């Protein structure tokens, strides 16, 4: 939820979405206590209708939308030869297809309102390099997200005025990386490979997010910005 807190601290009102909205209540309360508006909307981004409903609810409640952060993500760590088809496709449904559905719904809103906007797709350094554990679906989905980012930037950044960029984090503490980072040997491997010699702190993503989301990055579109402590140098 670091992204939501970062944008709220910069003055944005926030719409939070997750499959289970109760997961978001504490974050929403924190944002509202800081003086910004925040609503939560139960959403499964793998369902096109949910994505369209989310954008409609956000536009109605907030009076408009200007920034989309595609941050929904799941993973499977089974070796590919043990994965089921559902293991693989369910990851793509959320991480890639869901991002497409959300971007399309957001762009349609912006175009209908004759306004610009900014989309920040949260990818991963695993779209750029190999990882240390089996994550075929995750890596494929995030690599696909980089291609989607470039294509949508070509389509929408001109007369439509919608910038589309990707942020590729390295290894940070999160709900998804928790089990990996509980393994001291894995942490040692990760830090050894990272040029800065340590894992990232969540707040170290804030500057890159604000650059891509705000007018500070008004001449930036179609790029992938890796925030990985030098992981992708290898």
Protein backbone atom coordinates (compact mmCIF):
# COMPACT_ATOMS: atom_id res chain seq x y z
CA UNK A 1 0.00 0.00 0.00
CA UNK A 2 3.06 2.22 -0.15
CA UNK A 3 2.00 3.58 -3.54
CA UNK A 4 -1.35 4.79 -2.22
CA UNK A 5 0.25 6.46 0.78
CA UNK A 6 2.85 8.12 -1.45
CA UNK A 7 0.27 9.59 -3.80
CA UNK A 8 -1.94 10.71 -0.93
CA UNK A 9 1.00 12.46 0.73
CA UNK A 10 1.57 14.28 -2.56
CA UNK A 11 -2.02 15.57 -2.52
CA UNK A 12 -4.03 12.96 -4.41
CA UNK A 13 -7.38 11.53 -3.41
CA UNK A 14 -7.24 7.75 -3.57
CA UNK A 15 -9.38 4.85 -4.75
CA UNK A 16 -8.14 1.52 -3.41
CA UNK A 17 -9.17 -1.77 -4.99
CA UNK A 18 -8.64 -5.40 -4.03
CA UNK A 19 -10.53 -8.65 -4.15
CA UNK A 20 -11.19 -8.30 -0.41
CA UNK A 21 -11.91 -4.69 0.42
CA UNK A 22 -11.53 -5.35 4.16
CA UNK A 23 -7.79 -5.65 3.51
CA UNK A 24 -7.77 -1.95 2.65
CA UNK A 25 -9.64 -0.42 5.58
CA UNK A 26 -6.62 0.44 7.71
CA UNK A 27 -4.83 2.05 4.78
CA UNK A 28 -7.95 4.01 3.85
CA UNK A 29 -8.29 5.22 7.43
CA UNK A 30 -4.65 6.34 7.47
CA UNK A 31 -5.10 8.27 4.23
CA UNK A 32 -8.28 9.95 5.44
CA UNK A 33 -6.63 10.88 8.74
CA UNK A 34 -4.07 12.74 6.65
CA UNK A 35 -6.77 14.88 5.08
CA UNK A 36 -7.29 13.13 1.73
CA UNK A 37 -10.40 11.38 0.51
CA UNK A 38 -10.17 7.61 0.07
CA UNK A 39 -12.67 4.95 -0.93
CA UNK A 40 -12.31 1.18 -1.27
CA UNK A 41 -13.91 -0.88 -4.02
CA UNK A 42 -13.96 -4.70 -4.06
CA UNK A 43 -12.45 -5.62 -7.44
CA UNK A 44 -11.16 -8.70 -9.22
CA UNK A 45 -9.11 -7.28 -12.08
CA UNK A 46 -9.22 -10.58 -13.95
CA UNK A 47 -12.90 -9.78 -14.59
CA UNK A 48 -13.43 -7.12 -17.23
CA UNK A 49 -16.71 -5.99 -15.71
CA UNK A 50 -15.09 -5.38 -12.32
CA UNK A 51 -12.48 -3.14 -13.94
CA UNK A 52 -15.11 -1.09 -15.72
CA UNK A 53 -17.20 -0.83 -12.55
CA UNK A 54 -14.15 0.31 -10.58
CA UNK A 55 -13.40 3.15 -12.98
CA UNK A 56 -17.06 4.18 -13.02
CA UNK A 57 -17.24 4.19 -9.21
CA UNK A 58 -14.01 6.15 -8.93
CA UNK A 59 -15.13 8.73 -11.48
CA UNK A 60 -18.52 9.18 -9.84
CA UNK A 61 -17.15 9.48 -6.30
CA UNK A 62 -14.08 11.56 -7.02
CA UNK A 63 -15.41 13.55 -9.96
CA UNK A 64 -12.70 12.24 -12.27
CA UNK A 65 -9.57 10.12 -12.45
CA UNK A 66 -6.13 11.21 -13.58
CA UNK A 67 -3.72 8.49 -12.43
CA UNK A 68 -3.93 4.70 -12.65
CA UNK A 69 -1.42 2.49 -10.84
CA UNK A 70 -1.72 -1.11 -12.01
CA UNK A 71 -0.39 -2.86 -8.94
CA UNK A 72 -2.45 -6.06 -8.72
CA UNK A 73 -0.20 -9.10 -8.73
CA UNK A 74 -0.06 -12.77 -7.82
CA UNK A 75 2.57 -15.46 -8.34
CA UNK A 76 3.11 -19.19 -8.43
CA UNK A 77 6.46 -20.59 -7.33
CA UNK A 78 5.99 -24.15 -8.52
CA UNK A 79 8.56 -25.38 -11.05
CA UNK A 80 7.07 -25.17 -14.52
CA UNK A 81 7.06 -28.95 -14.94
CA UNK A 82 4.87 -29.25 -11.84
CA UNK A 83 2.52 -26.34 -12.59
CA UNK A 84 -1.03 -26.89 -13.72
CA UNK A 85 -2.45 -24.90 -16.60
CA UNK A 86 -4.55 -22.99 -14.08
CA UNK A 87 -1.45 -22.10 -12.05
CA UNK A 88 0.02 -20.41 -15.09
CA UNK A 89 -3.05 -18.79 -16.62
CA UNK A 90 -4.39 -17.44 -13.32
CA UNK A 91 -1.20 -15.41 -12.90
CA UNK A 92 -1.48 -13.99 -16.42
CA UNK A 93 -5.17 -13.24 -15.88
CA UNK A 94 -4.38 -10.92 -12.96
CA UNK A 95 -0.94 -9.54 -13.77
CA UNK A 96 -1.29 -8.96 -17.51
CA UNK A 97 -4.88 -9.26 -18.70
CA UNK A 98 -6.13 -7.42 -15.62
CA UNK A 99 -3.70 -4.58 -16.26
CA UNK A 100 -4.98 -4.36 -19.83
CA UNK A 101 -8.61 -4.25 -18.71
CA UNK A 102 -7.84 -1.53 -16.17
CA UNK A 103 -5.78 0.54 -18.61
CA UNK A 104 -8.50 0.32 -21.25
CA UNK A 105 -11.26 1.35 -18.84
CA UNK A 106 -9.12 4.25 -17.58
CA UNK A 107 -8.25 5.40 -21.10
CA UNK A 108 -11.89 5.31 -22.19
CA UNK A 109 -12.75 7.54 -19.24
CA UNK A 110 -9.97 10.01 -20.08
CA UNK A 111 -10.87 10.11 -23.77
CA UNK A 112 -14.57 10.63 -23.01
CA UNK A 113 -13.64 13.56 -20.76
CA UNK A 114 -11.10 14.95 -23.27
CA UNK A 115 -8.43 14.88 -20.59
CA UNK A 116 -4.97 13.43 -20.28
CA UNK A 117 -3.79 10.99 -17.66
CA UNK A 118 -0.95 8.82 -16.45
CA UNK A 119 -0.79 5.03 -16.19
CA UNK A 120 1.97 3.42 -14.14
CA UNK A 121 2.19 -0.33 -14.62
CA UNK A 122 4.01 -2.10 -11.79
CA UNK A 123 6.22 -4.68 -13.47
CA UNK A 124 9.27 -6.38 -11.96
CA UNK A 125 12.97 -6.85 -12.53
CA UNK A 126 12.01 -10.45 -13.31
CA UNK A 127 10.73 -9.07 -16.60
CA UNK A 128 14.32 -8.02 -17.34
CA UNK A 129 16.47 -10.76 -15.79
CA UNK A 130 16.18 -14.18 -14.26
CA UNK A 131 15.24 -14.69 -10.63
CA UNK A 132 16.37 -17.13 -7.97
CA UNK A 133 13.16 -19.17 -7.65
CA UNK A 134 10.79 -20.70 -10.23
CA UNK A 135 8.23 -18.09 -11.31
CA UNK A 136 7.44 -18.78 -14.96
CA UNK A 137 3.97 -17.27 -14.97
CA UNK A 138 5.02 -14.22 -12.98
CA UNK A 139 8.08 -13.52 -15.12
CA UNK A 140 6.11 -14.01 -18.34
CA UNK A 141 3.27 -11.78 -17.17
CA UNK A 142 5.60 -8.97 -16.15
CA UNK A 143 7.57 -9.20 -19.40
CA UNK A 144 4.25 -9.00 -21.24
CA UNK A 145 3.37 -5.95 -19.19
CA UNK A 146 6.45 -4.16 -20.53
CA UNK A 147 5.33 -4.85 -24.09
CA UNK A 148 1.82 -3.69 -23.24
CA UNK A 149 3.25 -0.51 -21.74
CA UNK A 150 5.15 0.36 -24.91
CA UNK A 151 2.23 -0.38 -27.21
CA UNK A 152 -0.32 1.60 -25.19
CA UNK A 153 2.13 4.50 -24.96
CA UNK A 154 2.31 4.54 -28.76
CA UNK A 155 -1.48 4.48 -29.01
CA UNK A 156 -2.46 6.99 -26.35
CA UNK A 157 0.39 9.41 -25.64
CA UNK A 158 -0.13 11.67 -28.65
CA UNK A 159 -3.45 13.38 -29.15
CA UNK A 160 -5.02 11.36 -26.34
CA UNK A 161 -2.51 12.76 -23.84
CA UNK A 162 -2.30 9.59 -21.75
CA UNK A 163 1.23 8.71 -20.69
CA UNK A 164 1.95 5.03 -20.04
CA UNK A 165 5.07 3.86 -18.21
CA UNK A 166 6.25 0.87 -16.20
CA UNK A 167 8.02 0.72 -12.87
CA UNK A 168 10.11 -2.41 -12.33
CA UNK A 169 10.93 -2.92 -8.64
CA UNK A 170 13.69 -5.19 -7.46
CA UNK A 171 13.39 -7.10 -4.21
CA UNK A 172 11.44 -5.24 -1.53
CA UNK A 173 9.60 -6.49 1.53
CA UNK A 174 5.97 -7.17 0.61
CA UNK A 175 3.20 -9.68 1.15
CA UNK A 176 4.31 -11.52 -1.99
CA UNK A 177 8.02 -11.63 -1.17
CA UNK A 178 7.50 -12.43 2.52
CA UNK A 179 8.08 -16.21 2.27
CA UNK A 180 11.17 -15.68 0.11
CA UNK A 181 12.68 -13.13 2.47
CA UNK A 182 12.09 -15.38 5.47
CA UNK A 183 14.81 -17.65 4.04
CA UNK A 184 18.19 -16.31 5.17
CA UNK A 185 20.02 -18.10 2.38
CA UNK A 186 17.79 -16.50 -0.23
CA UNK A 187 18.30 -13.08 1.32
CA UNK A 188 22.07 -13.60 1.23
CA UNK A 189 21.88 -14.60 -2.44
CA UNK A 190 19.75 -11.59 -3.32
CA UNK A 191 21.90 -9.05 -1.51
CA UNK A 192 25.08 -10.49 -2.99
CA UNK A 193 23.71 -10.06 -6.51
CA UNK A 194 22.37 -6.54 -5.87
CA UNK A 195 24.95 -3.85 -6.65
CA UNK A 196 23.98 -1.78 -3.60
CA UNK A 197 24.40 -4.85 -1.41
CA UNK A 198 21.00 -4.72 0.27
CA UNK A 199 17.29 -5.12 -0.35
CA UNK A 200 15.06 -2.15 -1.01
CA UNK A 201 12.92 -0.29 1.50
CA UNK A 202 9.32 0.28 0.32
CA UNK A 203 9.60 4.07 0.55
CA UNK A 204 12.48 3.95 -1.94
CA UNK A 205 9.92 3.36 -4.68
CA UNK A 206 8.17 6.65 -3.92
CA UNK A 207 10.36 8.97 -5.97
CA UNK A 208 10.09 6.86 -9.11
CA UNK A 209 6.33 6.53 -8.73
CA UNK A 210 5.85 10.27 -8.33
CA UNK A 211 8.08 10.98 -11.33
CA UNK A 212 6.07 8.71 -13.62
CA UNK A 213 2.63 9.57 -12.23
CA UNK A 214 2.90 13.34 -11.96
CA UNK A 215 3.67 16.28 -14.21
CA UNK A 216 7.30 15.96 -13.13
CA UNK A 217 7.45 13.24 -15.79
CA UNK A 218 5.36 15.07 -18.38
CA UNK A 219 7.84 14.25 -21.18
CA UNK A 220 8.23 10.59 -20.23
CA UNK A 221 6.18 7.84 -21.82
CA UNK A 222 6.71 4.24 -22.87
CA UNK A 223 9.66 3.58 -20.58
CA UNK A 224 10.47 0.98 -17.95
CA UNK A 225 12.17 2.42 -14.89
CA UNK A 226 13.97 -0.20 -12.80
CA UNK A 227 14.27 0.57 -9.09
CA UNK A 228 16.32 -2.43 -8.11
CA UNK A 229 19.54 -1.37 -6.40
CA UNK A 230 21.46 -2.51 -9.47
CA UNK A 231 20.00 -6.04 -9.64
CA UNK A 232 19.46 -5.81 -13.39
CA UNK A 233 23.13 -4.94 -14.00
CA UNK A 234 23.85 -8.67 -13.87
